[in-house]
N, C-alpha and C. Protein backbone atom coordinates (compact mmCIF):
# COMPACT_ATOMS: atom_id res chain seq x y z
N MET A 1 -29.74 26.08 -16.35
CA MET A 1 -29.93 25.50 -14.97
C MET A 1 -28.72 24.81 -14.78
N PHE A 2 -28.25 24.05 -16.35
CA PHE A 2 -27.09 23.10 -16.24
C PHE A 2 -25.92 24.05 -17.25
N THR A 3 -26.50 25.41 -17.72
CA THR A 3 -24.86 26.17 -18.33
C THR A 3 -24.48 26.58 -17.24
N PRO A 4 -22.81 26.96 -17.81
CA PRO A 4 -21.71 27.19 -16.67
C PRO A 4 -22.07 29.14 -16.61
N LYS A 5 -22.09 29.09 -15.81
CA LYS A 5 -22.12 30.72 -15.26
C LYS A 5 -20.50 31.39 -15.65
N ILE A 6 -20.66 32.13 -16.81
CA ILE A 6 -19.58 32.77 -17.26
C ILE A 6 -19.41 34.13 -16.28
N PRO A 7 -18.23 34.60 -16.15
CA PRO A 7 -18.33 35.87 -15.62
C PRO A 7 -18.24 36.85 -16.70
N PRO A 8 -18.29 38.27 -16.24
CA PRO A 8 -18.56 39.24 -17.53
C PRO A 8 -17.38 39.19 -18.11
N PRO A 9 -16.36 39.42 -19.16
CA PRO A 9 -15.54 39.79 -19.45
C PRO A 9 -14.58 40.36 -18.94
N ASP A 10 -15.22 42.15 -17.96
CA ASP A 10 -14.68 42.72 -17.05
C ASP A 10 -13.95 42.34 -15.94
N THR A 11 -14.78 41.37 -15.68
CA THR A 11 -13.84 40.85 -14.76
C THR A 11 -13.53 39.54 -14.13
N ALA A 12 -13.11 38.81 -15.44
CA ALA A 12 -12.64 37.78 -15.33
C ALA A 12 -10.83 38.21 -15.75
N PRO A 13 -10.28 37.57 -14.87
CA PRO A 13 -8.89 37.12 -14.83
C PRO A 13 -8.60 37.18 -16.53
N THR A 14 -6.93 37.82 -17.09
CA THR A 14 -6.42 37.60 -18.25
C THR A 14 -5.42 36.58 -17.81
N PRO A 15 -4.96 35.68 -18.55
CA PRO A 15 -4.00 34.80 -18.20
C PRO A 15 -2.65 35.26 -17.91
N ALA A 16 -2.31 36.39 -18.30
CA ALA A 16 -1.06 37.46 -17.78
C ALA A 16 -1.31 37.79 -17.14
N THR A 17 -2.39 38.09 -15.99
CA THR A 17 -2.34 38.26 -14.58
C THR A 17 -2.91 37.28 -13.82
N SER A 18 -2.44 37.44 -12.24
CA SER A 18 -2.99 37.04 -11.65
C SER A 18 -3.64 37.34 -10.30
N LEU A 19 -4.48 36.49 -9.56
CA LEU A 19 -5.74 37.01 -8.63
C LEU A 19 -4.71 37.31 -7.19
N VAL A 20 -3.79 36.52 -7.37
CA VAL A 20 -2.81 36.52 -5.84
C VAL A 20 -2.01 37.45 -6.22
N GLN A 21 -1.97 38.25 -5.37
CA GLN A 21 -0.66 39.96 -5.56
C GLN A 21 0.51 39.22 -4.77
N PRO A 22 1.80 39.61 -5.44
CA PRO A 22 2.98 39.13 -4.94
C PRO A 22 2.97 39.82 -3.41
N LEU A 23 3.67 38.90 -2.43
CA LEU A 23 3.92 39.77 -1.04
C LEU A 23 4.86 40.54 -1.42
N THR A 24 5.37 41.96 -0.84
CA THR A 24 6.40 42.64 -0.95
C THR A 24 6.46 43.25 0.12
N GLY A 25 7.61 43.49 0.59
CA GLY A 25 7.69 44.50 1.44
C GLY A 25 7.52 44.24 2.95
N ILE A 26 7.40 43.09 3.07
CA ILE A 26 6.93 42.44 4.45
C ILE A 26 8.66 41.82 5.11
N THR A 27 8.50 43.03 6.60
CA THR A 27 9.50 42.55 7.31
C THR A 27 9.19 41.81 8.33
N HIS A 28 9.89 40.79 9.46
CA HIS A 28 9.68 40.17 10.47
C HIS A 28 10.04 40.81 11.98
N THR A 29 9.94 40.87 12.77
CA THR A 29 10.38 41.73 13.90
C THR A 29 11.27 40.04 14.09
N PRO A 30 12.20 40.84 15.38
CA PRO A 30 12.55 40.08 15.87
C PRO A 30 11.92 39.12 17.13
N ALA A 31 12.57 38.15 17.51
CA ALA A 31 12.00 37.44 18.95
C ALA A 31 12.47 37.95 19.82
N CYS A 32 13.41 38.46 20.15
CA CYS A 32 13.48 38.97 21.05
C CYS A 32 14.25 40.50 21.20
N THR A 33 14.27 41.77 22.02
CA THR A 33 14.26 43.01 21.81
C THR A 33 15.94 43.26 22.63
N CYS A 34 16.67 42.24 22.65
CA CYS A 34 17.93 42.39 23.67
C CYS A 34 19.64 42.92 22.76
N HIS A 35 19.10 42.75 21.56
CA HIS A 35 20.14 43.46 20.80
C HIS A 35 21.26 42.63 20.34
N HIS A 36 21.51 41.74 21.19
CA HIS A 36 22.71 40.91 21.00
C HIS A 36 23.16 40.32 19.34
N THR A 37 24.32 39.99 19.63
CA THR A 37 24.87 39.29 17.97
C THR A 37 24.42 38.13 17.78
N PRO A 38 24.25 37.16 16.91
CA PRO A 38 23.84 35.96 17.04
C PRO A 38 25.45 34.66 17.36
N ALA A 39 24.80 34.21 17.95
CA ALA A 39 26.09 33.58 18.44
C ALA A 39 26.28 32.22 17.24
N ALA A 40 28.13 32.15 17.32
CA ALA A 40 28.39 30.95 16.02
C ALA A 40 27.68 29.51 16.61
N ALA A 41 27.28 29.28 15.78
CA ALA A 41 26.66 28.04 15.39
C ALA A 41 27.95 26.56 15.38
N PRO A 42 27.43 25.78 16.47
CA PRO A 42 28.55 25.11 17.26
C PRO A 42 28.72 24.39 15.72
N ALA A 43 30.20 23.75 15.80
CA ALA A 43 30.55 22.96 15.22
C ALA A 43 30.12 21.56 14.78
N PRO A 44 29.43 20.67 14.32
CA PRO A 44 28.77 19.47 13.96
C PRO A 44 30.02 18.30 14.61
N ALA A 45 29.57 17.82 14.93
CA ALA A 45 30.27 16.80 15.99
C ALA A 45 30.38 15.44 14.49
N PRO A 46 31.90 15.14 14.45
CA PRO A 46 32.40 14.24 13.27
C PRO A 46 31.05 12.92 13.41
N ALA A 47 30.88 12.22 12.56
CA ALA A 47 30.31 11.16 12.47
C ALA A 47 30.98 9.84 12.71
N ALA A 48 30.28 9.42 13.47
CA ALA A 48 31.02 8.27 14.40
C ALA A 48 30.28 6.80 13.61
N PRO A 49 30.99 6.10 13.50
CA PRO A 49 30.35 5.15 12.76
C PRO A 49 29.44 4.06 13.55
N VAL A 50 28.51 3.95 13.14
CA VAL A 50 27.57 2.87 13.52
C VAL A 50 27.74 1.50 14.10
N SER A 51 28.07 1.34 15.16
CA SER A 51 28.23 -0.05 15.01
C SER A 51 26.91 -0.73 15.93
N ARG A 52 26.34 -1.67 15.13
CA ARG A 52 25.34 -2.41 15.07
C ARG A 52 25.61 -3.68 15.52
N PRO A 53 24.89 -4.57 16.49
CA PRO A 53 25.79 -6.09 17.20
C PRO A 53 25.58 -6.98 16.48
N ALA A 54 25.74 -7.76 16.22
CA ALA A 54 25.70 -9.08 15.27
C ALA A 54 24.81 -9.79 15.53
N VAL A 55 24.11 -10.28 14.74
CA VAL A 55 23.22 -11.60 14.91
C VAL A 55 23.59 -12.79 15.48
N GLN A 56 23.30 -13.27 16.57
CA GLN A 56 24.19 -14.46 17.01
C GLN A 56 23.39 -15.53 17.11
N LEU A 57 23.55 -16.53 15.95
CA LEU A 57 22.42 -17.80 16.32
C LEU A 57 23.14 -19.06 17.20
N THR A 58 22.54 -19.04 18.03
CA THR A 58 22.91 -20.22 18.45
C THR A 58 22.32 -21.67 18.28
N PRO A 59 22.99 -22.54 18.44
CA PRO A 59 22.53 -24.18 18.09
C PRO A 59 20.73 -24.16 18.46
N GLY A 60 20.65 -23.46 19.64
CA GLY A 60 18.87 -23.63 19.95
C GLY A 60 18.41 -23.01 18.95
N SER A 61 18.54 -21.44 18.82
CA SER A 61 17.69 -20.93 17.95
C SER A 61 17.34 -20.82 16.47
N LEU A 62 18.69 -22.10 16.12
CA LEU A 62 18.87 -22.46 14.50
C LEU A 62 17.72 -23.43 14.35
N ILE A 63 17.83 -24.19 15.65
CA ILE A 63 16.69 -25.44 15.86
C ILE A 63 14.90 -25.10 15.62
N VAL A 64 15.02 -23.94 16.73
CA VAL A 64 13.49 -23.23 16.71
C VAL A 64 13.31 -22.58 15.40
N ALA A 65 14.24 -22.18 14.34
CA ALA A 65 13.98 -21.49 13.41
C ALA A 65 13.81 -22.39 12.38
N ALA A 66 14.78 -23.62 12.04
CA ALA A 66 14.07 -24.75 11.45
C ALA A 66 12.44 -25.37 12.03
N ALA A 67 12.31 -25.74 12.77
CA ALA A 67 11.04 -25.80 13.21
C ALA A 67 10.25 -25.26 12.80
N GLY A 68 9.79 -23.63 13.38
CA GLY A 68 9.26 -22.77 12.80
C GLY A 68 9.09 -22.65 10.96
N GLY A 69 10.34 -23.02 10.86
CA GLY A 69 10.27 -22.87 8.92
C GLY A 69 9.10 -24.17 8.68
N THR A 70 9.79 -25.34 9.13
CA THR A 70 9.07 -26.58 8.72
C THR A 70 7.88 -26.15 8.75
N ALA A 71 7.60 -26.11 10.22
CA ALA A 71 5.86 -25.95 10.56
C ALA A 71 4.85 -25.16 9.30
N MET A 72 5.96 -24.18 9.37
CA MET A 72 4.70 -22.87 8.40
C MET A 72 4.95 -23.58 7.09
N VAL A 73 5.45 -24.42 6.58
CA VAL A 73 5.58 -24.19 5.02
C VAL A 73 4.67 -26.09 5.00
N LEU A 74 4.54 -26.79 6.31
CA LEU A 74 3.49 -27.75 6.40
C LEU A 74 2.46 -27.00 6.19
N ILE A 75 2.19 -25.59 6.89
CA ILE A 75 0.33 -25.64 7.02
C ILE A 75 0.13 -24.87 6.01
N ILE A 76 1.26 -23.88 5.55
CA ILE A 76 0.34 -23.36 4.29
C ILE A 76 0.25 -24.61 2.75
N GLY A 77 1.05 -25.60 2.84
CA GLY A 77 0.87 -26.95 1.85
C GLY A 77 -0.42 -27.54 1.94
N THR A 78 -0.84 -27.68 3.43
CA THR A 78 -2.09 -28.47 4.08
C THR A 78 -3.00 -27.37 3.67
N VAL A 79 -3.46 -26.19 3.65
CA VAL A 79 -4.16 -25.40 2.95
C VAL A 79 -4.27 -25.38 1.72
N LEU A 80 -3.23 -25.03 0.76
CA LEU A 80 -3.43 -24.77 -0.47
C LEU A 80 -4.31 -26.35 -1.03
N VAL A 81 -3.41 -27.66 -0.82
CA VAL A 81 -3.54 -28.62 -0.82
C VAL A 81 -5.21 -28.98 -0.92
N SER A 82 -5.89 -28.65 0.64
CA SER A 82 -7.41 -28.77 0.90
C SER A 82 -8.53 -27.91 -0.33
N MET A 83 -7.61 -26.60 -0.18
CA MET A 83 -8.34 -25.77 -1.82
C MET A 83 -8.25 -26.25 -2.68
N LEU A 84 -7.42 -26.88 -3.06
CA LEU A 84 -7.18 -27.43 -4.52
C LEU A 84 -7.91 -28.95 -4.35
N LEU A 85 -8.56 -29.83 -3.31
CA LEU A 85 -8.82 -30.27 -3.37
C LEU A 85 -10.62 -30.38 -3.54
N ALA A 86 -10.54 -29.56 -2.74
CA ALA A 86 -12.16 -28.55 -2.69
C ALA A 86 -12.54 -28.19 -4.31
N THR A 87 -12.21 -27.61 -5.22
CA THR A 87 -12.35 -27.31 -6.38
C THR A 87 -11.99 -28.28 -7.09
N ALA A 88 -11.08 -29.62 -7.01
CA ALA A 88 -11.64 -30.99 -7.81
C ALA A 88 -12.83 -31.34 -7.46
N ILE A 89 -13.34 -31.77 -6.26
CA ILE A 89 -14.47 -32.39 -5.95
C ILE A 89 -15.40 -31.55 -6.40
N THR A 90 -15.72 -30.01 -6.27
CA THR A 90 -16.67 -29.42 -6.90
C THR A 90 -16.61 -29.69 -8.29
N ALA A 91 -15.74 -29.89 -9.41
CA ALA A 91 -15.59 -29.13 -10.86
C ALA A 91 -16.29 -31.13 -11.15
N ALA A 92 -15.69 -31.79 -10.18
CA ALA A 92 -16.26 -33.05 -10.44
C ALA A 92 -18.10 -33.65 -10.07
N SER A 93 -18.15 -33.05 -9.32
CA SER A 93 -19.98 -32.87 -9.19
C SER A 93 -20.80 -32.30 -9.90
N VAL A 94 -20.11 -30.93 -10.43
CA VAL A 94 -20.76 -30.18 -11.33
C VAL A 94 -20.36 -30.84 -12.64
N ALA A 95 -19.54 -31.90 -13.21
CA ALA A 95 -19.32 -32.83 -14.10
C ALA A 95 -20.56 -33.86 -14.39
N ILE A 96 -20.70 -34.32 -13.06
CA ILE A 96 -21.39 -35.54 -13.10
C ILE A 96 -23.02 -34.68 -13.42
N CYS A 97 -23.57 -33.91 -13.08
CA CYS A 97 -24.75 -33.45 -12.91
C CYS A 97 -25.12 -32.88 -14.28
N ALA A 98 -24.14 -32.18 -14.96
CA ALA A 98 -24.28 -31.95 -15.90
C ALA A 98 -24.56 -33.51 -16.77
N VAL A 99 -23.52 -34.28 -16.86
CA VAL A 99 -23.95 -35.63 -17.89
C VAL A 99 -25.44 -36.33 -17.21
N VAL A 100 -26.01 -35.85 -15.66
CA VAL A 100 -27.22 -36.75 -15.62
C VAL A 100 -28.56 -35.53 -16.04
N LEU A 101 -28.21 -34.15 -16.30
CA LEU A 101 -29.11 -33.39 -17.08
C LEU A 101 -29.24 -33.67 -18.29
N ARG A 102 -28.27 -33.90 -19.12
CA ARG A 102 -28.01 -33.78 -20.56
C ARG A 102 -28.96 -35.31 -20.76
N SER A 103 -28.87 -35.97 -20.02
CA SER A 103 -29.43 -37.76 -20.45
C SER A 103 -30.74 -37.58 -19.85
N LEU A 104 -31.35 -36.48 -18.82
CA LEU A 104 -32.69 -36.42 -18.51
C LEU A 104 -33.31 -35.81 -19.83
N LEU A 105 -32.43 -34.76 -20.44
CA LEU A 105 -33.18 -33.73 -21.06
C LEU A 105 -33.05 -34.68 -23.09
N ASN A 106 -31.94 -35.33 -22.64
CA ASN A 106 -32.04 -35.87 -24.36
C ASN A 106 -32.77 -37.51 -24.76
N ARG A 107 -33.19 -38.08 -23.43
CA ARG A 107 -34.49 -39.14 -23.14
C ARG A 107 -35.28 -38.89 -23.92
N PRO A 108 -36.24 -38.39 -23.93
CA PRO A 108 -37.46 -37.70 -24.90
C PRO A 108 -37.43 -37.86 -25.89
N ASN A 109 -36.20 -37.23 -26.58
CA ASN A 109 -36.05 -37.49 -28.15
C ASN A 109 -35.48 -38.87 -28.71
N ASN A 110 -35.15 -39.99 -27.81
CA ASN A 110 -34.89 -41.00 -28.15
C ASN A 110 -36.13 -41.60 -28.02
N ARG A 111 -37.21 -41.59 -28.07
CA ARG A 111 -38.10 -42.09 -27.50
C ARG A 111 -39.26 -42.10 -28.90
């Protein structure tokens, strides 16, 4: 059931031969039957230098950008500090629980 089905030796392809035969002698019919000569391709236009508009920073946009950056720094800083504080509180409470459990488990041995 789980053994591979190997084809008999007479049908198995050899490494030197391929199952796909090369396509030779195929010709394409023309798209139209008007028998005209192909027109010369138009000469490519010279590439013009790309002129991009320069970014104009006005004093108002600079103030808005600075205020936005400051707000982002404050928000991200607040989130990171609160996550650090939550981790510290969790670690302190786990440490207190460990000390209480240790004292409760060691007390019967001292009596």
